PDB file of N, CA and C in Angstrom:
ATOM      1  N   MET A   1      22.999  49.202 -45.767  1.00  0.00           N
ATOM      2  CA  MET A   1      22.161  49.755 -44.733  1.00  0.00           C
ATOM      3  C   MET A   1      21.199  48.660 -44.241  1.00  0.00           C
ATOM      4  N   VAL A   2      21.149  48.527 -42.938  1.00  0.00           N
ATOM      5  CA  VAL A   2      20.281  47.524 -42.328  1.00  0.00           C
ATOM      6  C   VAL A   2      19.005  48.217 -41.870  1.00  0.00           C
ATOM      7  N   THR A   3      17.886  47.637 -42.234  1.00  0.00           N
ATOM      8  CA  THR A   3      16.627  48.216 -41.782  1.00  0.00           C
ATOM      9  C   THR A   3      16.015  47.315 -40.723  1.00  0.00           C
ATOM     10  N   GLY A   4      15.113  47.876 -39.978  1.00  0.00           N
ATOM     11  CA  GLY A   4      14.478  47.115 -38.905  1.00  0.00           C
ATOM     12  C   GLY A   4      15.315  47.171 -37.648  1.00  0.00           C
ATOM     13  N   SER A   5      14.867  46.484 -36.670  1.00  0.00           N
ATOM     14  CA  SER A   5      15.611  46.520 -35.410  1.00  0.00           C
ATOM     15  C   SER A   5      16.351  45.208 -35.221  1.00  0.00           C
ATOM     16  N   TYR A   6      17.456  45.304 -34.599  1.00  0.00           N
ATOM     17  CA  TYR A   6      18.260  44.126 -34.296  1.00  0.00           C
ATOM     18  C   TYR A   6      18.571  44.149 -32.817  1.00  0.00           C
ATOM     19  N   ARG A   7      18.326  43.050 -32.156  1.00  0.00           N
ATOM     20  CA  ARG A   7      18.611  42.954 -30.727  1.00  0.00           C
ATOM     21  C   ARG A   7      19.771  42.012 -30.521  1.00  0.00           C
ATOM     22  N   LEU A   8      20.688  42.446 -29.706  1.00  0.00           N
ATOM     23  CA  LEU A   8      21.783  41.566 -29.338  1.00  0.00           C
ATOM     24  C   LEU A   8      21.231  40.448 -28.454  1.00  0.00           C
ATOM     25  N   PRO A   9      21.795  39.267 -28.574  1.00  0.00           N
ATOM     26  CA  PRO A   9      21.300  38.190 -27.706  1.00  0.00           C
ATOM     27  C   PRO A   9      21.533  38.539 -26.240  1.00  0.00           C
ATOM     28  N   LEU A  10      20.555  38.203 -25.421  1.00  0.00           N
ATOM     29  CA  LEU A  10      20.685  38.470 -23.992  1.00  0.00           C
ATOM     30  C   LEU A  10      21.725  37.540 -23.399  1.00  0.00           C
ATOM     31  N   ARG A  11      22.581  38.105 -22.596  1.00  0.00           N
ATOM     32  CA  ARG A  11      23.567  37.299 -21.890  1.00  0.00           C
ATOM     33  C   ARG A  11      22.967  36.838 -20.585  1.00  0.00           C
ATOM     34  N   ARG A  12      23.080  35.594 -20.325  1.00  0.00           N
ATOM     35  CA  ARG A  12      22.608  35.084 -19.038  1.00  0.00           C
ATOM     36  C   ARG A  12      23.613  35.486 -17.981  1.00  0.00           C
ATOM     37  N   ARG A  13      23.131  36.174 -17.014  1.00  0.00           N
ATOM     38  CA  ARG A  13      23.968  36.624 -15.914  1.00  0.00           C
ATOM     39  C   ARG A  13      24.081  35.499 -14.896  1.00  0.00           C
ATOM     40  N   LYS A  14      25.297  35.200 -14.496  1.00  0.00           N
ATOM     41  CA  LYS A  14      25.490  34.163 -13.496  1.00  0.00           C
ATOM     42  C   LYS A  14      24.948  34.669 -12.162  1.00  0.00           C
ATOM     43  N   LEU A  15      24.135  33.842 -11.529  1.00  0.00           N
ATOM     44  CA  LEU A  15      23.568  34.234 -10.254  1.00  0.00           C
ATOM     45  C   LEU A  15      24.654  34.251  -9.179  1.00  0.00           C
ATOM     46  N   SER A  16      24.590  35.255  -8.326  1.00  0.00           N
ATOM     47  CA  SER A  16      25.511  35.327  -7.199  1.00  0.00           C
ATOM     48  C   SER A  16      25.131  34.255  -6.186  1.00  0.00           C
ATOM     49  N   GLU A  17      26.051  33.937  -5.287  1.00  0.00           N
ATOM     50  CA  GLU A  17      25.751  32.960  -4.235  1.00  0.00           C
ATOM     51  C   GLU A  17      24.579  33.450  -3.384  1.00  0.00           C
ATOM     52  N   PHE A  18      24.540  34.745  -3.121  1.00  0.00           N
ATOM     53  CA  PHE A  18      23.432  35.314  -2.353  1.00  0.00           C
ATOM     54  C   PHE A  18      22.111  35.071  -3.069  1.00  0.00           C
ATOM     55  N   SER A  19      22.067  35.363  -4.366  1.00  0.00           N
ATOM     56  CA  SER A  19      20.833  35.191  -5.134  1.00  0.00           C
ATOM     57  C   SER A  19      20.418  33.731  -5.200  1.00  0.00           C
ATOM     58  N   GLU A  20      21.381  32.840  -5.396  1.00  0.00           N
ATOM     59  CA  GLU A  20      21.085  31.398  -5.414  1.00  0.00           C
ATOM     60  C   GLU A  20      20.462  30.974  -4.088  1.00  0.00           C
ATOM     61  N   PHE A  21      21.068  31.417  -2.999  1.00  0.00           N
ATOM     62  CA  PHE A  21      20.586  31.068  -1.663  1.00  0.00           C
ATOM     63  C   PHE A  21      19.175  31.613  -1.454  1.00  0.00           C
ATOM     64  N   LEU A  22      18.979  32.884  -1.788  1.00  0.00           N
ATOM     65  CA  LEU A  22      17.673  33.525  -1.623  1.00  0.00           C
ATOM     66  C   LEU A  22      16.611  32.816  -2.458  1.00  0.00           C
ATOM     67  N   LYS A  23      16.936  32.520  -3.698  1.00  0.00           N
ATOM     68  CA  LYS A  23      15.999  31.838  -4.580  1.00  0.00           C
ATOM     69  C   LYS A  23      15.612  30.474  -4.002  1.00  0.00           C
ATOM     70  N   ASP A  24      16.595  29.740  -3.509  1.00  0.00           N
ATOM     71  CA  ASP A  24      16.344  28.426  -2.922  1.00  0.00           C
ATOM     72  C   ASP A  24      15.413  28.535  -1.712  1.00  0.00           C
ATOM     73  N   LYS A  25      15.680  29.491  -0.834  1.00  0.00           N
ATOM     74  CA  LYS A  25      14.858  29.643   0.375  1.00  0.00           C
ATOM     75  C   LYS A  25      13.445  30.109   0.034  1.00  0.00           C
ATOM     76  N   CYS A  26      13.306  30.952  -0.976  1.00  0.00           N
ATOM     77  CA  CYS A  26      11.972  31.393  -1.386  1.00  0.00           C
ATOM     78  C   CYS A  26      11.179  30.220  -1.963  1.00  0.00           C
ATOM     79  N   LYS A  27      11.838  29.369  -2.734  1.00  0.00           N
ATOM     80  CA  LYS A  27      11.158  28.209  -3.316  1.00  0.00           C
ATOM     81  C   LYS A  27      10.711  27.227  -2.239  1.00  0.00           C
ATOM     82  N   LYS A  28      11.528  27.074  -1.201  1.00  0.00           N
ATOM     83  CA  LYS A  28      11.199  26.140  -0.125  1.00  0.00           C
ATOM     84  C   LYS A  28      10.145  26.697   0.834  1.00  0.00           C
ATOM     85  N   ASN A  29       9.976  28.005   0.841  1.00  0.00           N
ATOM     86  CA  ASN A  29       8.982  28.638   1.703  1.00  0.00           C
ATOM     87  C   ASN A  29       7.591  28.340   1.145  1.00  0.00           C
ATOM     88  N   GLU A  30       6.648  28.130   2.018  1.00  0.00           N
ATOM     89  CA  GLU A  30       5.287  27.785   1.579  1.00  0.00           C
ATOM     90  C   GLU A  30       4.497  28.982   1.059  1.00  0.00           C
ATOM     91  N   ASN A  31       5.013  30.182   1.240  1.00  0.00           N
ATOM     92  CA  ASN A  31       4.322  31.387   0.787  1.00  0.00           C
ATOM     93  C   ASN A  31       4.748  31.768  -0.626  1.00  0.00           C
ATOM     94  N   SER A  32       3.900  32.536  -1.293  1.00  0.00           N
ATOM     95  CA  SER A  32       4.225  33.043  -2.626  1.00  0.00           C
ATOM     96  C   SER A  32       5.278  34.151  -2.510  1.00  0.00           C
ATOM     97  N   ILE A  33       5.888  34.461  -3.636  1.00  0.00           N
ATOM     98  CA  ILE A  33       6.873  35.552  -3.688  1.00  0.00           C
ATOM     99  C   ILE A  33       6.219  36.859  -3.233  1.00  0.00           C
ATOM    100  N   ARG A  34       5.007  37.106  -3.661  1.00  0.00           N
ATOM    101  CA  ARG A  34       4.297  38.330  -3.267  1.00  0.00           C
ATOM    102  C   ARG A  34       4.087  38.387  -1.752  1.00  0.00           C
ATOM    103  N   LYS A  35       3.717  37.254  -1.172  1.00  0.00           N
ATOM    104  CA  LYS A  35       3.454  37.219   0.267  1.00  0.00           C
ATOM    105  C   LYS A  35       4.755  37.422   1.051  1.00  0.00           C
ATOM    106  N   ILE A  36       5.835  36.789   0.596  1.00  0.00           N
ATOM    107  CA  ILE A  36       7.140  36.970   1.246  1.00  0.00           C
ATOM    108  C   ILE A  36       7.550  38.437   1.169  1.00  0.00           C
ATOM    109  N   ALA A  37       7.399  39.025  -0.020  1.00  0.00           N
ATOM    110  CA  ALA A  37       7.755  40.438  -0.214  1.00  0.00           C
ATOM    111  C   ALA A  37       6.919  41.341   0.686  1.00  0.00           C
ATOM    112  N   THR A  38       5.634  41.064   0.777  1.00  0.00           N
ATOM    113  CA  THR A  38       4.753  41.866   1.628  1.00  0.00           C
ATOM    114  C   THR A  38       5.194  41.777   3.083  1.00  0.00           C
ATOM    115  N   LYS A  39       5.492  40.566   3.539  1.00  0.00           N
ATOM    116  CA  LYS A  39       5.971  40.392   4.918  1.00  0.00           C
ATOM    117  C   LYS A  39       7.280  41.145   5.154  1.00  0.00           C
ATOM    118  N   ALA A  40       8.133  41.190   4.132  1.00  0.00           N
ATOM    119  CA  ALA A  40       9.427  41.865   4.250  1.00  0.00           C
ATOM    120  C   ALA A  40       9.329  43.373   3.995  1.00  0.00           C
ATOM    121  N   GLU A  41       8.136  43.839   3.659  1.00  0.00           N
ATOM    122  CA  GLU A  41       7.891  45.259   3.375  1.00  0.00           C
ATOM    123  C   GLU A  41       8.710  45.764   2.193  1.00  0.00           C
ATOM    124  N   ILE A  42       8.798  44.905   1.158  1.00  0.00           N
ATOM    125  CA  ILE A  42       9.440  45.279  -0.100  1.00  0.00           C
ATOM    126  C   ILE A  42       8.493  44.879  -1.231  1.00  0.00           C
ATOM    127  N   THR A  43       8.763  45.342  -2.433  1.00  0.00           N
ATOM    128  CA  THR A  43       7.916  44.949  -3.562  1.00  0.00           C
ATOM    129  C   THR A  43       8.327  43.561  -4.049  1.00  0.00           C
ATOM    130  N   HIS A  44       7.390  42.860  -4.662  1.00  0.00           N
ATOM    131  CA  HIS A  44       7.732  41.540  -5.208  1.00  0.00           C
ATOM    132  C   HIS A  44       8.726  41.683  -6.360  1.00  0.00           C
ATOM    133  N   THR A  45       8.643  42.799  -7.073  1.00  0.00           N
ATOM    134  CA  THR A  45       9.581  43.054  -8.172  1.00  0.00           C
ATOM    135  C   THR A  45      11.005  43.156  -7.638  1.00  0.00           C
ATOM    136  N   TYR A  46      11.170  43.870  -6.544  1.00  0.00           N
ATOM    137  CA  TYR A  46      12.496  44.011  -5.936  1.00  0.00           C
ATOM    138  C   TYR A  46      13.010  42.654  -5.451  1.00  0.00           C
ATOM    139  N   LEU A  47      12.148  41.856  -4.837  1.00  0.00           N
ATOM    140  CA  LEU A  47      12.550  40.532  -4.378  1.00  0.00           C
ATOM    141  C   LEU A  47      12.996  39.673  -5.561  1.00  0.00           C
ATOM    142  N   LEU A  48      12.266  39.720  -6.654  1.00  0.00           N
ATOM    143  CA  LEU A  48      12.652  38.974  -7.852  1.00  0.00           C
ATOM    144  C   LEU A  48      13.989  39.469  -8.409  1.00  0.00           C
ATOM    145  N   GLN A  49      14.221  40.779  -8.372  1.00  0.00           N
ATOM    146  CA  GLN A  49      15.499  41.325  -8.835  1.00  0.00           C
ATOM    147  C   GLN A  49      16.644  40.817  -7.962  1.00  0.00           C
ATOM    148  N   LEU A  50      16.426  40.729  -6.660  1.00  0.00           N
ATOM    149  CA  LEU A  50      17.445  40.178  -5.763  1.00  0.00           C
ATOM    150  C   LEU A  50      17.701  38.706  -6.084  1.00  0.00           C
ATOM    151  N   MET A  51      16.634  37.965  -6.325  1.00  0.00           N
ATOM    152  CA  MET A  51      16.741  36.539  -6.616  1.00  0.00           C
ATOM    153  C   MET A  51      17.445  36.262  -7.944  1.00  0.00           C
ATOM    154  N   ASN A  52      17.385  37.211  -8.869  1.00  0.00           N
ATOM    155  CA  ASN A  52      17.972  37.025 -10.199  1.00  0.00           C
ATOM    156  C   ASN A  52      19.266  37.815 -10.408  1.00  0.00           C
ATOM    157  N   SER A  53      19.871  38.267  -9.322  1.00  0.00           N
ATOM    158  CA  SER A  53      21.144  39.014  -9.360  1.00  0.00           C
ATOM    159  C   SER A  53      21.056  40.305 -10.166  1.00  0.00           C
ATOM    160  N   LYS A  54      19.871  40.865 -10.258  1.00  0.00           N
ATOM    161  CA  LYS A  54      19.717  42.147 -10.957  1.00  0.00           C
ATOM    162  C   LYS A  54      19.990  43.315 -10.011  1.00  0.00           C
ATOM    163  N   LYS A  55      19.920  43.040  -8.723  1.00  0.00           N
ATOM    164  CA  LYS A  55      20.221  44.027  -7.678  1.00  0.00           C
ATOM    165  C   LYS A  55      21.176  43.394  -6.685  1.00  0.00           C
ATOM    166  N   ASP A  56      22.041  44.220  -6.124  1.00  0.00           N
ATOM    167  CA  ASP A  56      22.926  43.756  -5.055  1.00  0.00           C
ATOM    168  C   ASP A  56      22.113  43.547  -3.786  1.00  0.00           C
ATOM    169  N   PRO A  57      22.641  42.762  -2.856  1.00  0.00           N
ATOM    170  CA  PRO A  57      21.918  42.553  -1.596  1.00  0.00           C
ATOM    171  C   PRO A  57      21.566  43.887  -0.938  1.00  0.00           C
ATOM    172  N   PRO A  58      20.421  43.930  -0.280  1.00  0.00           N
ATOM    173  CA  PRO A  58      19.967  45.186   0.322  1.00  0.00           C
ATOM    174  C   PRO A  58      20.756  45.550   1.575  1.00  0.00           C
ATOM    175  N   GLU A  59      20.451  46.710   2.093  1.00  0.00           N
ATOM    176  CA  GLU A  59      21.070  47.184   3.333  1.00  0.00           C
ATOM    177  C   GLU A  59      20.616  46.296   4.500  1.00  0.00           C
ATOM    178  N   PRO A  60      21.370  46.318   5.611  1.00  0.00           N
ATOM    179  CA  PRO A  60      21.117  45.401   6.726  1.00  0.00           C
ATOM    180  C   PRO A  60      19.681  45.356   7.258  1.00  0.00           C
ATOM    181  N   LYS A  61      19.029  46.495   7.385  1.00  0.00           N
ATOM    182  CA  LYS A  61      17.666  46.483   7.932  1.00  0.00           C
ATOM    183  C   LYS A  61      16.694  45.739   7.013  1.00  0.00           C
ATOM    184  N   THR A  62      16.894  45.862   5.712  1.00  0.00           N
ATOM    185  CA  THR A  62      16.049  45.144   4.756  1.00  0.00           C
ATOM    186  C   THR A  62      16.402  43.658   4.756  1.00  0.00           C
ATOM    187  N   GLN A  63      17.682  43.344   4.915  1.00  0.00           N
ATOM    188  CA  GLN A  63      18.079  41.938   5.037  1.00  0.00           C
ATOM    189  C   GLN A  63      17.361  41.297   6.218  1.00  0.00           C
ATOM    190  N   GLU A  64      17.312  42.015   7.317  1.00  0.00           N
ATOM    191  CA  GLU A  64      16.643  41.524   8.525  1.00  0.00           C
ATOM    192  C   GLU A  64      15.163  41.233   8.240  1.00  0.00           C
ATOM    193  N   LYS A  65      14.510  42.137   7.517  1.00  0.00           N
ATOM    194  CA  LYS A  65      13.099  41.953   7.186  1.00  0.00           C
ATOM    195  C   LYS A  65      12.884  40.741   6.277  1.00  0.00           C
ATOM    196  N   ILE A  66      13.787  40.557   5.315  1.00  0.00           N
ATOM    197  CA  ILE A  66      13.672  39.406   4.409  1.00  0.00           C
ATOM    198  C   ILE A  66      13.908  38.108   5.174  1.00  0.00           C
ATOM    199  N   ALA A  67      14.932  38.096   6.022  1.00  0.00           N
ATOM    200  CA  ALA A  67      15.219  36.896   6.825  1.00  0.00           C
ATOM    201  C   ALA A  67      14.026  36.548   7.713  1.00  0.00           C
ATOM    202  N   ASN A  68      13.384  37.545   8.296  1.00  0.00           N
ATOM    203  CA  ASN A  68      12.196  37.313   9.124  1.00  0.00           C
ATOM    204  C   ASN A  68      11.033  36.791   8.283  1.00  0.00           C
ATOM    205  N   ALA A  69      10.836  37.378   7.103  1.00  0.00           N
ATOM    206  CA  ALA A  69       9.743  36.953   6.226  1.00  0.00           C
ATOM    207  C   ALA A  69       9.922  35.499   5.786  1.00  0.00           C
ATOM    208  N   LEU A  70      11.175  35.098   5.585  1.00  0.00           N
ATOM    209  CA  LEU A  70      11.471  33.717   5.184  1.00  0.00           C
ATOM    210  C   LEU A  70      11.557  32.777   6.386  1.00  0.00           C
ATOM    211  N   GLU A  71      11.465  33.365   7.573  1.00  0.00           N
ATOM    212  CA  GLU A  71      11.557  32.599   8.816  1.00  0.00           C
ATOM    213  C   GLU A  71      12.861  31.807   8.899  1.00  0.00           C
ATOM    214  N   LEU A  72      13.953  32.464   8.478  1.00  0.00           N
ATOM    215  CA  LEU A  72      15.269  31.822   8.537  1.00  0.00           C
ATOM    216  C   LEU A  72      15.741  31.775   9.982  1.00  0.00           C
ATOM    217  N   ILE A  73      16.276  30.631  10.378  1.00  0.00           N
ATOM    218  CA  ILE A  73      16.805  30.478  11.729  1.00  0.00           C
ATOM    219  C   ILE A  73      18.154  29.768  11.663  1.00  0.00           C
ATOM    220  N   GLY A  74      18.885  29.866  12.753  1.00  0.00           N
ATOM    221  CA  GLY A  74      20.140  29.142  12.894  1.00  0.00           C
ATOM    222  C   GLY A  74      21.133  29.401  11.771  1.00  0.00           C
ATOM    223  N   GLN A  75      21.704  28.315  11.263  1.00  0.00           N
ATOM    224  CA  GLN A  75      22.750  28.403  10.246  1.00  0.00           C
ATOM    225  C   GLN A  75      22.245  29.036   8.956  1.00  0.00           C
ATOM    226  N   ASP A  76      20.985  28.806   8.594  1.00  0.00           N
ATOM    227  CA  ASP A  76      20.436  29.420   7.375  1.00  0.00           C
ATOM    228  C   ASP A  76      20.454  30.940   7.474  1.00  0.00           C
ATOM    229  N   ARG A  77      20.096  31.461   8.629  1.00  0.00           N
ATOM    230  CA  ARG A  77      20.079  32.913   8.829  1.00  0.00           C
ATOM    231  C   ARG A  77      21.502  33.478   8.766  1.00  0.00           C
ATOM    232  N   ILE A  78      22.425  32.783   9.421  1.00  0.00           N
ATOM    233  CA  ILE A  78      23.828  33.221   9.406  1.00  0.00           C
ATOM    234  C   ILE A  78      24.382  33.215   7.982  1.00  0.00           C
ATOM    235  N   GLU A  79      24.099  32.146   7.240  1.00  0.00           N
ATOM    236  CA  GLU A  79      24.580  32.063   5.856  1.00  0.00           C
ATOM    237  C   GLU A  79      23.976  33.162   4.989  1.00  0.00           C
ATOM    238  N   PHE A  80      22.702  33.458   5.185  1.00  0.00           N
ATOM    239  CA  PHE A  80      22.036  34.537   4.449  1.00  0.00           C
ATOM    240  C   PHE A  80      22.771  35.860   4.666  1.00  0.00           C
ATOM    241  N   TYR A  81      23.036  36.187   5.933  1.00  0.00           N
ATOM    242  CA  TYR A  81      23.733  37.440   6.247  1.00  0.00           C
ATOM    243  C   TYR A  81      25.170  37.431   5.728  1.00  0.00           C
ATOM    244  N   ASP A  82      25.861  36.301   5.864  1.00  0.00           N
ATOM    245  CA  ASP A  82      27.247  36.219   5.408  1.00  0.00           C
ATOM    246  C   ASP A  82      27.372  36.388   3.893  1.00  0.00           C
ATOM    247  N   LEU A  83      26.490  35.738   3.145  1.00  0.00           N
ATOM    248  CA  LEU A  83      26.533  35.862   1.679  1.00  0.00           C
ATOM    249  C   LEU A  83      26.215  37.286   1.236  1.00  0.00           C
ATOM    250  N   ALA A  84      25.233  37.914   1.882  1.00  0.00           N
ATOM    251  CA  ALA A  84      24.896  39.301   1.548  1.00  0.00           C
ATOM    252  C   ALA A  84      26.076  40.222   1.846  1.00  0.00           C
ATOM    253  N   ALA A  85      26.687  40.030   3.011  1.00  0.00           N
ATOM    254  CA  ALA A  85      27.818  40.871   3.414  1.00  0.00           C
ATOM    255  C   ALA A  85      29.005  40.690   2.473  1.00  0.00           C
ATOM    256  N   GLN A  86      29.261  39.457   2.114  1.00  0.00           N
ATOM    257  CA  GLN A  86      30.374  39.162   1.210  1.00  0.00           C
ATOM    258  C   GLN A  86      30.198  39.893  -0.117  1.00  0.00           C
ATOM    259  N   GLN A  87      29.005  39.849  -0.667  1.00  0.00           N
ATOM    260  CA  GLN A  87      28.757  40.517  -1.946  1.00  0.00           C
ATOM    261  C   GLN A  87      28.764  42.037  -1.808  1.00  0.00           C
ATOM    262  N   ARG A  88      28.306  42.541  -0.687  1.00  0.00           N
ATOM    263  CA  ARG A  88      28.268  43.990  -0.457  1.00  0.00           C
ATOM    264  C   ARG A  88      29.622  44.555  -0.034  1.00  0.00           C
ATOM    265  N   GLY A  89      30.543  43.677   0.404  1.00  0.00           N
ATOM    266  CA  GLY A  89      31.805  44.163   0.957  1.00  0.00           C
ATOM    267  C   GLY A  89      31.573  44.820   2.295  1.00  0.00           C
ATOM    268  N   ASP A  90      30.715  44.205   3.104  1.00  0.00           N
ATOM    269  CA  ASP A  90      30.223  44.787   4.341  1.00  0.00           C
ATOM    270  C   ASP A  90      30.319  43.758   5.456  1.00  0.00           C
ATOM    271  N   ILE A  91      29.960  44.159   6.668  1.00  0.00           N
ATOM    272  CA  ILE A  91      29.874  43.191   7.759  1.00  0.00           C
ATOM    273  C   ILE A  91      28.467  42.589   7.754  1.00  0.00           C
ATOM    274  N   PRO A  92      28.314  41.347   8.222  1.00  0.00           N
ATOM    275  CA  PRO A  92      26.988  40.730   8.224  1.00  0.00           C
ATOM    276  C   PRO A  92      25.963  41.548   9.013  1.00  0.00           C
ATOM    277  N   ALA A  93      24.736  41.533   8.523  1.00  0.00           N
ATOM    278  CA  ALA A  93      23.660  42.351   9.098  1.00  0.00           C
ATOM    279  C   ALA A  93      23.400  42.044  10.563  1.00  0.00           C
ATOM    280  N   ASP A  94      23.500  40.772  10.960  1.00  0.00           N
ATOM    281  CA  ASP A  94      23.234  40.442  12.360  1.00  0.00           C
ATOM    282  C   ASP A  94      24.287  41.056  13.276  1.00  0.00           C
ATOM    283  N   ILE A  95      25.534  41.069  12.831  1.00  0.00           N
ATOM    284  CA  ILE A  95      26.615  41.690  13.611  1.00  0.00           C
ATOM    285  C   ILE A  95      26.438  43.208  13.612  1.00  0.00           C
ATOM    286  N   TYR A  96      26.097  43.759  12.467  1.00  0.00           N
ATOM    287  CA  TYR A  96      25.844  45.197  12.341  1.00  0.00           C
ATOM    288  C   TYR A  96      24.771  45.648  13.339  1.00  0.00           C
ATOM    289  N   MET A  97      23.660  44.870  13.389  1.00  0.00           N
ATOM    290  CA  MET A  97      22.560  45.238  14.284  1.00  0.00           C
ATOM    291  C   MET A  97      22.977  45.129  15.747  1.00  0.00           C
ATOM    292  N   LYS A  98      23.775  44.116  16.084  1.00  0.00           N
ATOM    293  CA  LYS A  98      24.229  43.966  17.468  1.00  0.00           C
ATOM    294  C   LYS A  98      25.119  45.127  17.873  1.00  0.00           C
ATOM    295  N   ILE A  99      25.991  45.532  16.983  1.00  0.00           N
ATOM    296  CA  ILE A  99      26.867  46.673  17.274  1.00  0.00           C
ATOM    297  C   ILE A  99      26.037  47.941  17.409  1.00  0.00           C
ATOM    298  N   LEU A 100      25.137  48.136  16.479  1.00  0.00           N
ATOM    299  CA  LEU A 100      24.307  49.342  16.464  1.00  0.00           C
ATOM    300  C   LEU A 100      23.432  49.453  17.709  1.00  0.00           C
ATOM    301  N   ASN A 101      22.948  48.326  18.198  1.00  0.00           N
ATOM    302  CA  ASN A 101      22.026  48.328  19.330  1.00  0.00           C
ATOM    303  C   ASN A 101      22.697  48.139  20.686  1.00  0.00           C
ATOM    304  N   ASN A 102      24.009  48.046  20.721  1.00  0.00           N
ATOM    305  CA  ASN A 102      24.720  47.862  21.981  1.00  0.00           C
ATOM    306  C   ASN A 102      25.732  48.994  22.135  1.00  0.00           C
ATOM    307  N   LYS A 103      25.389  49.972  22.923  1.00  0.00           N
ATOM    308  CA  LYS A 103      26.234  51.166  23.066  1.00  0.00           C
ATOM    309  C   LYS A 103      27.619  50.837  23.616  1.00  0.00           C
ATOM    310  N   LYS A 104      27.701  49.828  24.475  1.00  0.00           N
ATOM    311  CA  LYS A 104      28.983  49.438  25.048  1.00  0.00           C
ATOM    312  C   LYS A 104      29.932  48.921  23.959  1.00  0.00           C
ATOM    313  N   ILE A 105      29.445  48.001  23.137  1.00  0.00           N
ATOM    314  CA  ILE A 105      30.275  47.463  22.045  1.00  0.00           C
ATOM    315  C   ILE A 105      30.615  48.571  21.061  1.00  0.00           C
ATOM    316  N   TYR A 106      29.634  49.388  20.735  1.00  0.00           N
ATOM    317  CA  TYR A 106      29.832  50.499  19.805  1.00  0.00           C
ATOM    318  C   TYR A 106      30.956  51.404  20.304  1.00  0.00           C
ATOM    319  N   LYS A 107      30.918  51.734  21.597  1.00  0.00           N
ATOM    320  CA  LYS A 107      31.926  52.612  22.198  1.00  0.00           C
ATOM    321  C   LYS A 107      33.308  51.962  22.205  1.00  0.00           C
ATOM    322  N   GLU A 108      33.356  50.664  22.531  1.00  0.00           N
ATOM    323  CA  GLU A 108      34.636  49.941  22.541  1.00  0.00           C
ATOM    324  C   GLU A 108      35.290  49.948  21.173  1.00  0.00           C
ATOM    325  N   ILE A 109      34.502  49.682  20.153  1.00  0.00           N
ATOM    326  CA  ILE A 109      35.044  49.679  18.780  1.00  0.00           C
ATOM    327  C   ILE A 109      35.499  51.067  18.393  1.00  0.00           C
ATOM    328  N   ARG A 110      34.732  52.052  18.738  1.00  0.00           N
ATOM    329  CA  ARG A 110      35.050  53.441  18.393  1.00  0.00           C
ATOM    330  C   ARG A 110      36.362  53.876  19.045  1.00  0.00           C
ATOM    331  N   GLU A 111      36.611  53.405  20.264  1.00  0.00           N
ATOM    332  CA  GLU A 111      37.805  53.826  21.011  1.00  0.00           C
ATOM    333  C   GLU A 111      39.088  53.142  20.531  1.00  0.00           C
ATOM    334  N   ARG A 112      38.978  52.080  19.809  1.00  0.00           N
ATOM    335  CA  ARG A 112      40.180  51.342  19.338  1.00  0.00           C
ATOM    336  C   ARG A 112      40.824  51.985  18.173  1.00  0.00           C
TER     337      ARG A 112
END
């Protein structure tokens, strides 16, 4: 009989490409994690969970808020959305928003 508590060693979870990218951009940003999270209207705990692959990438509207908070532009913004979409098995958030906000495109896709 074993007495006391025994903890299994923690397994290091391999960071997803999305989490690696997010972590890198947060480190390069001049703001603190808390400030970035506040700008993105999420908790700093949630942002840290995303950065450490503890949570899957968020839904498109939250991705948009995070990208804005990090001031991602050009290729960095596209890569952010592509990596999130790839992990979610979804379409990139920027494309999602364009479809959602353009009734003509939305209708064309719906009719096909």
